[in-house]
Amino acid sequence: MTIQPSYFSSKHNIFNQYFVKLGWAWTSAIIFYIGIKSRTSGRFSTKNFIIRYCLATGYWFLIMNLFHFVWTFSGTCSIEDTTDFHQCKSLKGRWNGFDISGHCFLLIHSSLYILEELAMLTKTVDKIPGFGLLALWGWMLTTTGIYRFHPIPEIIVGSLFGFSYWISFYVVMKSIFFKLLPFELTIDRTDTKKSFDVKKSD
């Protein structure tokens, strides 16, 4: 089935240019909004909040640079006898490499991270900005799939990296390390067996 072009089939649409391309800035704004609203909660931990943000941001930065490395390392230039990426771009050539979908990665990684942090908020009205950005991310992810800005293998790999952080940190690490980052782990020294007491602080 042929998909008819639309406003969203252009990479230059306003949502792609000013939201997705600045995706982590918008993610950070929502995350710190959640942090501010959560400070009134007795279970909020500023230290753990900052650690989670640094980990999520570090992962985003690392993976985006990895994608760029894969693209440049695996590619060739449309201009004959030009093998250097930067030279190819300076000559206005087209670089053809395995261009893993950064859009799919960013939108999935950001959405799952925001969803986990939104769980700290108790008032529905406080969650509206977060859900608003999640709705936009969901729509942009849908258009990325519909209009195929990348071949399917590049979309699949980008999506897998998007899910990987959430699975590793919010599923595996939480169950193995007693939710070490979102919770404070204390030791009851009055117990001769030194049993662990998990105190919820976030």
C-alpha atoms as a PDB file:
ATOM      1  CA  MET A   1       0.000   0.000   0.000  1.00  0.00           C
ATOM      2  CA  THR A   2       1.317   3.414  -0.981  1.00  0.00           C
ATOM      3  CA  ILE A   3       1.335   6.023   1.768  1.00  0.00           C
ATOM      4  CA  GLN A   4       0.360   9.459   0.508  1.00  0.00           C
ATOM      5  CA  PRO A   5       2.708  12.329   1.452  1.00  0.00           C
ATOM      6  CA  SER A   6       1.502  14.704   4.136  1.00  0.00           C
ATOM      7  CA  TYR A   7       2.820  17.494   6.321  1.00  0.00           C
ATOM      8  CA  PHE A   8       4.313  14.921   8.673  1.00  0.00           C
ATOM      9  CA  SER A   9       6.111  13.051   5.883  1.00  0.00           C
ATOM     10  CA  SER A  10       8.529  15.975   5.611  1.00  0.00           C
ATOM     11  CA  LYS A  11      11.497  16.052   7.976  1.00  0.00           C
ATOM     12  CA  HIS A  12      11.105  19.826   8.027  1.00  0.00           C
ATOM     13  CA  ASN A  13       7.734  19.835   9.819  1.00  0.00           C
ATOM     14  CA  ILE A  14       7.653  22.047  12.904  1.00  0.00           C
ATOM     15  CA  PHE A  15       7.282  19.169  15.369  1.00  0.00           C
ATOM     16  CA  ASN A  16      10.363  17.429  14.045  1.00  0.00           C
ATOM     17  CA  GLN A  17      12.457  20.584  13.827  1.00  0.00           C
ATOM     18  CA  TYR A  18      11.594  22.148  17.187  1.00  0.00           C
ATOM     19  CA  PHE A  19      10.607  19.186  19.337  1.00  0.00           C
ATOM     20  CA  VAL A  20      12.205  15.909  18.229  1.00  0.00           C
ATOM     21  CA  LYS A  21      15.545  17.450  17.239  1.00  0.00           C
ATOM     22  CA  LEU A  22      15.590  19.132  20.652  1.00  0.00           C
ATOM     23  CA  GLY A  23      14.112  16.021  22.215  1.00  0.00           C
ATOM     24  CA  TRP A  24      16.419  15.646  25.187  1.00  0.00           C
ATOM     25  CA  ALA A  25      16.052  19.321  26.091  1.00  0.00           C
ATOM     26  CA  TRP A  26      12.262  18.857  26.245  1.00  0.00           C
ATOM     27  CA  THR A  27      12.738  15.608  28.157  1.00  0.00           C
ATOM     28  CA  SER A  28      14.994  17.368  30.663  1.00  0.00           C
ATOM     29  CA  ALA A  29      12.477  20.184  31.114  1.00  0.00           C
ATOM     30  CA  ILE A  30       9.688  17.726  31.927  1.00  0.00           C
ATOM     31  CA  ILE A  31      11.911  15.650  34.207  1.00  0.00           C
ATOM     32  CA  PHE A  32      12.954  18.679  36.267  1.00  0.00           C
ATOM     33  CA  TYR A  33       9.333  19.825  36.372  1.00  0.00           C
ATOM     34  CA  ILE A  34       8.499  16.416  37.859  1.00  0.00           C
ATOM     35  CA  GLY A  35      11.380  16.799  40.294  1.00  0.00           C
ATOM     36  CA  ILE A  36      10.123  20.195  41.481  1.00  0.00           C
ATOM     37  CA  LYS A  37       6.580  18.918  41.924  1.00  0.00           C
ATOM     38  CA  SER A  38       7.834  15.802  43.739  1.00  0.00           C
ATOM     39  CA  ARG A  39       9.855  17.719  46.325  1.00  0.00           C
ATOM     40  CA  THR A  40       6.737  18.125  48.441  1.00  0.00           C
ATOM     41  CA  SER A  41       6.495  14.346  48.697  1.00  0.00           C
ATOM     42  CA  GLY A  42       8.063  12.772  51.758  1.00  0.00           C
ATOM     43  CA  ARG A  43       9.457   9.935  49.645  1.00  0.00           C
ATOM     44  CA  PHE A  44      11.408  12.169  47.260  1.00  0.00           C
ATOM     45  CA  SER A  45      15.211  11.854  47.222  1.00  0.00           C
ATOM     46  CA  THR A  46      17.072  14.648  45.431  1.00  0.00           C
ATOM     47  CA  LYS A  47      20.268  12.580  45.315  1.00  0.00           C
ATOM     48  CA  ASN A  48      18.592   9.599  43.670  1.00  0.00           C
ATOM     49  CA  PHE A  49      16.639  11.832  41.302  1.00  0.00           C
ATOM     50  CA  ILE A  50      19.864  13.442  40.056  1.00  0.00           C
ATOM     51  CA  ILE A  51      21.582  10.048  39.745  1.00  0.00           C
ATOM     52  CA  ARG A  52      18.736   8.702  37.620  1.00  0.00           C
ATOM     53  CA  TYR A  53      18.803  11.817  35.427  1.00  0.00           C
ATOM     54  CA  CYS A  54      22.581  11.600  34.930  1.00  0.00           C
ATOM     55  CA  LEU A  55      22.360   7.911  34.041  1.00  0.00           C
ATOM     56  CA  ALA A  56      19.536   8.442  31.537  1.00  0.00           C
ATOM     57  CA  THR A  57      21.291  11.462  30.003  1.00  0.00           C
ATOM     58  CA  GLY A  58      24.637   9.675  29.848  1.00  0.00           C
ATOM     59  CA  TYR A  59      23.010   6.726  28.085  1.00  0.00           C
ATOM     60  CA  TRP A  60      21.341   9.034  25.555  1.00  0.00           C
ATOM     61  CA  PHE A  61      24.617  10.855  24.851  1.00  0.00           C
ATOM     62  CA  LEU A  62      26.638   7.637  24.570  1.00  0.00           C
ATOM     63  CA  ILE A  63      24.214   5.864  22.248  1.00  0.00           C
ATOM     64  CA  MET A  64      23.720   8.853  19.942  1.00  0.00           C
ATOM     65  CA  ASN A  65      27.477   9.084  19.514  1.00  0.00           C
ATOM     66  CA  LEU A  66      27.631   5.326  18.929  1.00  0.00           C
ATOM     67  CA  PHE A  67      25.022   5.655  16.174  1.00  0.00           C
ATOM     68  CA  HIS A  68      27.053   8.391  14.515  1.00  0.00           C
ATOM     69  CA  PHE A  69      30.194   6.270  14.708  1.00  0.00           C
ATOM     70  CA  VAL A  70      28.429   3.288  13.114  1.00  0.00           C
ATOM     71  CA  TRP A  71      27.041   5.502  10.347  1.00  0.00           C
ATOM     72  CA  THR A  72      30.398   7.037   9.468  1.00  0.00           C
ATOM     73  CA  PHE A  73      32.374   3.790   9.856  1.00  0.00           C
ATOM     74  CA  SER A  74      30.002   1.702   7.743  1.00  0.00           C
ATOM     75  CA  GLY A  75      29.377   4.259   5.002  1.00  0.00           C
ATOM     76  CA  THR A  76      30.663   5.283   1.618  1.00  0.00           C
ATOM     77  CA  CYS A  77      30.492   8.592  -0.220  1.00  0.00           C
ATOM     78  CA  SER A  78      28.450   9.189  -3.349  1.00  0.00           C
ATOM     79  CA  ILE A  79      31.462  11.023  -4.799  1.00  0.00           C
ATOM     80  CA  GLU A  80      33.911   8.609  -6.366  1.00  0.00           C
ATOM     81  CA  ASP A  81      37.355   8.219  -4.732  1.00  0.00           C
ATOM     82  CA  THR A  82      36.160  10.021  -1.574  1.00  0.00           C
ATOM     83  CA  THR A  83      36.355   7.808   1.490  1.00  0.00           C
ATOM     84  CA  ASP A  84      36.514  10.360   4.302  1.00  0.00           C
ATOM     85  CA  PHE A  85      33.207  11.333   5.895  1.00  0.00           C
ATOM     86  CA  HIS A  86      34.088  14.979   6.552  1.00  0.00           C
ATOM     87  CA  GLN A  87      35.568  15.430   3.091  1.00  0.00           C
ATOM     88  CA  CYS A  88      32.443  13.935   1.571  1.00  0.00           C
ATOM     89  CA  LYS A  89      30.221  16.380   3.454  1.00  0.00           C
ATOM     90  CA  SER A  90      32.437  19.347   2.538  1.00  0.00           C
ATOM     91  CA  LEU A  91      32.110  18.389  -1.143  1.00  0.00           C
ATOM     92  CA  LYS A  92      28.336  18.171  -0.660  1.00  0.00           C
ATOM     93  CA  GLY A  93      28.326  14.466  -1.344  1.00  0.00           C
ATOM     94  CA  ARG A  94      25.846  11.962   0.112  1.00  0.00           C
ATOM     95  CA  TRP A  95      27.144   9.599   2.779  1.00  0.00           C
ATOM     96  CA  ASN A  96      25.502   6.180   2.637  1.00  0.00           C
ATOM     97  CA  GLY A  97      25.939   4.069   5.770  1.00  0.00           C
ATOM     98  CA  PHE A  98      23.948   2.118   8.338  1.00  0.00           C
ATOM     99  CA  ASP A  99      22.067   5.074   9.817  1.00  0.00           C
ATOM    100  CA  ILE A 100      20.390   3.695  12.951  1.00  0.00           C
ATOM    101  CA  SER A 101      17.193   5.579  13.734  1.00  0.00           C
ATOM    102  CA  GLY A 102      18.051   8.127  16.396  1.00  0.00           C
ATOM    103  CA  HIS A 103      14.408   9.252  16.345  1.00  0.00           C
ATOM    104  CA  CYS A 104      13.112   5.834  17.408  1.00  0.00           C
ATOM    105  CA  PHE A 105      15.807   5.536  20.047  1.00  0.00           C
ATOM    106  CA  LEU A 106      15.218   9.003  21.521  1.00  0.00           C
ATOM    107  CA  LEU A 107      11.416   8.841  21.498  1.00  0.00           C
ATOM    108  CA  ILE A 108      11.254   5.405  23.150  1.00  0.00           C
ATOM    109  CA  HIS A 109      14.040   6.065  25.670  1.00  0.00           C
ATOM    110  CA  SER A 110      12.552   9.436  26.627  1.00  0.00           C
ATOM    111  CA  SER A 111       8.972   8.126  26.878  1.00  0.00           C
ATOM    112  CA  LEU A 112       9.818   5.211  29.156  1.00  0.00           C
ATOM    113  CA  TYR A 113      12.021   7.386  31.374  1.00  0.00           C
ATOM    114  CA  ILE A 114       9.301  10.042  31.740  1.00  0.00           C
ATOM    115  CA  LEU A 115       6.647   7.397  32.475  1.00  0.00           C
ATOM    116  CA  GLU A 116       8.719   5.962  35.318  1.00  0.00           C
ATOM    117  CA  GLU A 117       9.344   9.382  36.844  1.00  0.00           C
ATOM    118  CA  LEU A 118       5.688  10.433  36.498  1.00  0.00           C
ATOM    119  CA  ALA A 119       4.796   7.629  38.898  1.00  0.00           C
ATOM    120  CA  MET A 120       6.228   9.793  41.714  1.00  0.00           C
ATOM    121  CA  LEU A 121       3.482  12.400  41.252  1.00  0.00           C
ATOM    122  CA  THR A 122       0.245  11.876  43.148  1.00  0.00           C
ATOM    123  CA  LYS A 123      -1.883  14.690  41.677  1.00  0.00           C
ATOM    124  CA  THR A 124      -3.285  14.025  38.216  1.00  0.00           C
ATOM    125  CA  VAL A 125      -3.126  17.705  37.278  1.00  0.00           C
ATOM    126  CA  ASP A 126       0.642  17.694  37.868  1.00  0.00           C
ATOM    127  CA  LYS A 127       1.045  14.907  35.317  1.00  0.00           C
ATOM    128  CA  ILE A 128      -0.580  16.791  32.412  1.00  0.00           C
ATOM    129  CA  PRO A 129       2.642  18.357  30.968  1.00  0.00           C
ATOM    130  CA  GLY A 130       4.377  14.975  31.044  1.00  0.00           C
ATOM    131  CA  PHE A 131       1.491  13.185  29.362  1.00  0.00           C
ATOM    132  CA  GLY A 132       1.298  15.988  26.801  1.00  0.00           C
ATOM    133  CA  LEU A 133       4.905  15.420  25.743  1.00  0.00           C
ATOM    134  CA  LEU A 134       4.358  11.643  25.773  1.00  0.00           C
ATOM    135  CA  ALA A 135       1.400  12.066  23.409  1.00  0.00           C
ATOM    136  CA  LEU A 136       3.544  14.101  21.013  1.00  0.00           C
ATOM    137  CA  TRP A 137       6.377  11.549  21.236  1.00  0.00           C
ATOM    138  CA  GLY A 138       3.897   8.757  20.492  1.00  0.00           C
ATOM    139  CA  TRP A 139       2.591  10.567  17.421  1.00  0.00           C
ATOM    140  CA  MET A 140       6.076  11.339  16.096  1.00  0.00           C
ATOM    141  CA  LEU A 141       7.113   7.714  16.629  1.00  0.00           C
ATOM    142  CA  THR A 142       4.049   6.626  14.662  1.00  0.00           C
ATOM    143  CA  THR A 143       4.845   8.940  11.745  1.00  0.00           C
ATOM    144  CA  THR A 144       8.464   7.716  11.754  1.00  0.00           C
ATOM    145  CA  GLY A 145       7.156   4.184  11.254  1.00  0.00           C
ATOM    146  CA  ILE A 146       4.504   5.128   8.702  1.00  0.00           C
ATOM    147  CA  TYR A 147       6.681   7.246   6.430  1.00  0.00           C
ATOM    148  CA  ARG A 148       9.774   5.063   6.813  1.00  0.00           C
ATOM    149  CA  PHE A 149      12.452   7.719   7.230  1.00  0.00           C
ATOM    150  CA  HIS A 150      14.760   4.731   7.756  1.00  0.00           C
ATOM    151  CA  PRO A 151      14.852   1.167   6.418  1.00  0.00           C
ATOM    152  CA  ILE A 152      13.262  -1.384   8.756  1.00  0.00           C
ATOM    153  CA  PRO A 153      16.594  -2.785  10.110  1.00  0.00           C
ATOM    154  CA  GLU A 154      17.679   0.728  11.169  1.00  0.00           C
ATOM    155  CA  ILE A 155      14.301   1.309  12.855  1.00  0.00           C
ATOM    156  CA  ILE A 156      14.475  -2.027  14.689  1.00  0.00           C
ATOM    157  CA  VAL A 157      18.009  -1.446  16.002  1.00  0.00           C
ATOM    158  CA  GLY A 158      17.166   2.097  17.125  1.00  0.00           C
ATOM    159  CA  SER A 159      14.043   0.848  18.904  1.00  0.00           C
ATOM    160  CA  LEU A 160      15.955  -1.947  20.655  1.00  0.00           C
ATOM    161  CA  PHE A 161      18.423   0.574  22.059  1.00  0.00           C
ATOM    162  CA  GLY A 162      15.454   2.697  23.151  1.00  0.00           C
ATOM    163  CA  PHE A 163      14.043  -0.178  25.216  1.00  0.00           C
ATOM    164  CA  SER A 164      17.412  -1.427  26.488  1.00  0.00           C
ATOM    165  CA  TYR A 165      17.966   1.258  29.139  1.00  0.00           C
ATOM    166  CA  TRP A 166      14.487   0.845  30.614  1.00  0.00           C
ATOM    167  CA  ILE A 167      14.809  -2.940  30.721  1.00  0.00           C
ATOM    168  CA  SER A 168      18.306  -2.814  32.225  1.00  0.00           C
ATOM    169  CA  PHE A 169      17.718  -0.096  34.803  1.00  0.00           C
ATOM    170  CA  TYR A 170      14.025  -0.095  35.697  1.00  0.00           C
ATOM    171  CA  VAL A 171      13.375  -3.842  35.386  1.00  0.00           C
ATOM    172  CA  VAL A 172      16.580  -5.825  35.958  1.00  0.00           C
ATOM    173  CA  MET A 173      18.494  -3.500  38.297  1.00  0.00           C
ATOM    174  CA  LYS A 174      15.457  -2.727  40.430  1.00  0.00           C
ATOM    175  CA  SER A 175      14.768  -6.386  41.101  1.00  0.00           C
ATOM    176  CA  ILE A 176      18.420  -7.349  41.653  1.00  0.00           C
ATOM    177  CA  PHE A 177      19.628  -4.415  43.753  1.00  0.00           C
ATOM    178  CA  PHE A 178      16.464  -3.779  45.824  1.00  0.00           C
ATOM    179  CA  LYS A 179      15.705  -0.594  43.897  1.00  0.00           C
ATOM    180  CA  LEU A 180      18.981   0.851  45.090  1.00  0.00           C
ATOM    181  CA  LEU A 181      18.667   4.163  43.228  1.00  0.00           C
ATOM    182  CA  PRO A 182      15.000   5.016  43.752  1.00  0.00           C
ATOM    183  CA  PHE A 183      15.189   3.769  47.338  1.00  0.00           C
ATOM    184  CA  GLU A 184      17.544   4.209  50.278  1.00  0.00           C
ATOM    185  CA  LEU A 185      19.081   0.977  51.536  1.00  0.00           C
ATOM    186  CA  THR A 186      19.790   0.989  55.248  1.00  0.00           C
ATOM    187  CA  ILE A 187      21.102  -1.629  57.657  1.00  0.00           C
ATOM    188  CA  ASP A 188      19.412  -2.299  60.973  1.00  0.00           C
ATOM    189  CA  ARG A 189      22.499  -2.683  63.178  1.00  0.00           C
ATOM    190  CA  THR A 190      20.413  -3.786  66.153  1.00  0.00           C
ATOM    191  CA  ASP A 191      19.730  -7.026  64.372  1.00  0.00           C
ATOM    192  CA  THR A 192      22.537  -9.529  64.913  1.00  0.00           C
ATOM    193  CA  LYS A 193      21.832 -10.966  61.507  1.00  0.00           C
ATOM    194  CA  LYS A 194      22.352  -7.496  59.927  1.00  0.00           C
ATOM    195  CA  SER A 195      19.153  -7.779  57.959  1.00  0.00           C
ATOM    196  CA  PHE A 196      18.547  -5.203  55.282  1.00  0.00           C
ATOM    197  CA  ASP A 197      15.731  -2.734  55.587  1.00  0.00           C
ATOM    198  CA  VAL A 198      14.583  -1.063  52.368  1.00  0.00           C
ATOM    199  CA  LYS A 199      13.325   2.410  53.143  1.00  0.00           C
ATOM    200  CA  LYS A 200      11.298   4.095  50.437  1.00  0.00           C
ATOM    201  CA  SER A 201      12.523   7.640  49.910  1.00  0.00           C
ATOM    202  CA  ASP A 202      11.639   8.415  46.348  1.00  0.00           C
END
